[in-house]
Amino acid sequence: MEAKAVAKYVRMSPSKLKPIADLVRGKDLNEALNILKFTPGKGSEIVEKVVMSAAANAENNFDLNPEDLYVAEVYANQGPTMKRWRAGAQGRASMILKRSSHVGVTLKEKED
């Protein structure tokens, strides 16, 4: 049995979120939440929120015990990029890319 949660269109680039996702992949639920709680940066708050949402989905929708869950899958994929312009040198325009991400978490039950 597995429970999923996805946060779409998060206004942070995937390159900042992927290292944080790598920290918790394969860890127990409580251990993953502790790692995310004490990891500095905005990205850890976003991933923590999605992990907690997946845990709530597991508990409420599938009647799974939170102590038997582990983080089976975490991803931070590229979302759409907003393109903005800024005045550049010699009358040119410089492009500003405002990247976004889709963050997903899958929790599974440990098999004893």
Protein backbone atom coordinates (compact mmCIF):
# COMPACT_ATOMS: atom_id res chain seq x y z
CA MET A 1 0.00 0.00 0.00
CA GLU A 2 1.29 3.46 -0.81
CA ALA A 3 0.23 7.06 -0.25
CA LYS A 4 1.19 10.00 -2.43
CA ALA A 5 1.23 13.80 -2.25
CA VAL A 6 2.26 16.34 -4.89
CA ALA A 7 2.92 20.08 -4.69
CA LYS A 8 2.78 21.66 -8.13
CA TYR A 9 4.07 25.02 -9.37
CA VAL A 10 6.33 25.62 -6.36
CA ARG A 11 8.25 28.86 -6.97
CA MET A 12 11.72 27.43 -6.45
CA SER A 13 14.10 25.90 -8.95
CA PRO A 14 14.47 22.10 -8.96
CA SER A 15 18.24 22.43 -8.62
CA LYS A 16 17.69 23.78 -5.09
CA LEU A 17 15.10 21.13 -4.18
CA LYS A 18 16.78 17.99 -5.54
CA PRO A 19 19.63 17.82 -2.95
CA ILE A 20 17.06 18.07 -0.16
CA ALA A 21 14.94 15.33 -1.74
CA ASP A 22 18.06 13.13 -1.88
CA LEU A 23 18.54 13.52 1.90
CA VAL A 24 15.25 11.81 2.79
CA ARG A 25 14.85 9.20 0.04
CA GLY A 26 14.59 5.72 1.59
CA LYS A 27 14.40 6.96 5.20
CA ASP A 28 11.72 6.16 7.81
CA LEU A 29 8.96 8.75 8.07
CA ASN A 30 9.98 10.10 11.50
CA GLU A 31 13.66 10.19 10.56
CA ALA A 32 12.87 12.03 7.31
CA LEU A 33 10.76 14.62 9.14
CA ASN A 34 13.57 15.20 11.67
CA ILE A 35 16.13 15.64 8.89
CA LEU A 36 13.89 18.14 7.09
CA LYS A 37 13.08 20.04 10.28
CA PHE A 38 16.74 20.75 11.02
CA THR A 39 17.92 21.34 7.45
CA PRO A 40 18.28 25.07 6.75
CA GLY A 41 16.65 26.72 3.77
CA LYS A 42 13.25 27.25 2.23
CA GLY A 43 13.46 24.05 0.16
CA SER A 44 13.40 21.83 3.23
CA GLU A 45 10.17 23.49 4.40
CA ILE A 46 8.52 22.76 1.06
CA VAL A 47 9.61 19.11 1.00
CA GLU A 48 8.61 18.71 4.66
CA LYS A 49 5.13 20.01 3.91
CA VAL A 50 4.69 17.50 1.08
CA VAL A 51 5.98 14.61 3.23
CA MET A 52 3.55 15.54 6.01
CA SER A 53 0.71 15.71 3.47
CA ALA A 54 1.58 12.22 2.18
CA ALA A 55 1.64 10.94 5.78
CA ALA A 56 -1.79 12.45 6.43
CA ASN A 57 -3.10 10.85 3.22
CA ALA A 58 -1.72 7.47 4.33
CA GLU A 59 -3.30 7.73 7.76
CA ASN A 60 -6.69 9.13 6.77
CA ASN A 61 -7.34 7.58 3.36
CA PHE A 62 -5.65 4.19 3.65
CA ASP A 63 -5.63 3.56 7.45
CA LEU A 64 -1.87 2.99 7.48
CA ASN A 65 0.19 3.21 10.67
CA PRO A 66 2.60 6.19 10.44
CA GLU A 67 5.30 4.27 12.32
CA ASP A 68 5.44 1.62 9.56
CA LEU A 69 5.94 4.10 6.72
CA TYR A 70 9.09 5.02 4.84
CA VAL A 71 9.82 7.49 2.05
CA ALA A 72 9.88 5.29 -1.05
CA GLU A 73 10.06 8.00 -3.68
CA VAL A 74 10.78 11.74 -3.71
CA TYR A 75 11.16 13.89 -6.79
CA ALA A 76 11.51 17.57 -7.66
CA ASN A 77 10.86 17.94 -11.38
CA GLN A 78 10.98 21.04 -13.56
CA GLY A 79 7.75 23.00 -13.79
CA PRO A 80 6.97 25.84 -16.16
CA THR A 81 9.43 28.74 -16.37
CA MET A 82 8.19 32.32 -16.29
CA LYS A 83 10.20 34.56 -18.59
CA ARG A 84 10.74 38.17 -17.60
CA TRP A 85 12.82 40.95 -19.15
CA ARG A 86 15.23 43.42 -17.65
CA ALA A 87 17.07 46.32 -19.23
CA GLY A 88 20.52 45.25 -20.35
CA ALA A 89 23.65 46.99 -21.56
CA GLN A 90 23.57 49.20 -24.67
CA GLY A 91 19.78 49.19 -25.00
CA ARG A 92 19.45 45.43 -25.03
CA ALA A 93 17.09 43.30 -22.96
CA SER A 94 18.33 40.57 -20.61
CA MET A 95 16.10 37.62 -19.89
CA ILE A 96 15.26 36.60 -16.32
CA LEU A 97 14.07 33.00 -15.87
CA LYS A 98 11.82 32.40 -12.86
CA ARG A 99 11.79 28.63 -12.52
CA SER A 100 9.20 26.48 -10.78
CA SER A 101 9.03 22.86 -9.64
CA HIS A 102 6.68 19.97 -9.06
CA VAL A 103 7.52 18.14 -5.81
CA GLY A 104 6.12 14.66 -5.18
CA VAL A 105 6.44 12.14 -2.35
CA THR A 106 5.38 8.48 -2.15
CA LEU A 107 5.24 6.71 1.21
CA LYS A 108 5.08 2.91 1.48
CA GLU A 109 4.62 0.46 4.32
CA LYS A 110 7.64 -1.49 5.51
CA GLU A 111 7.38 -5.20 4.77
CA ASP A 112 8.45 -7.26 7.78
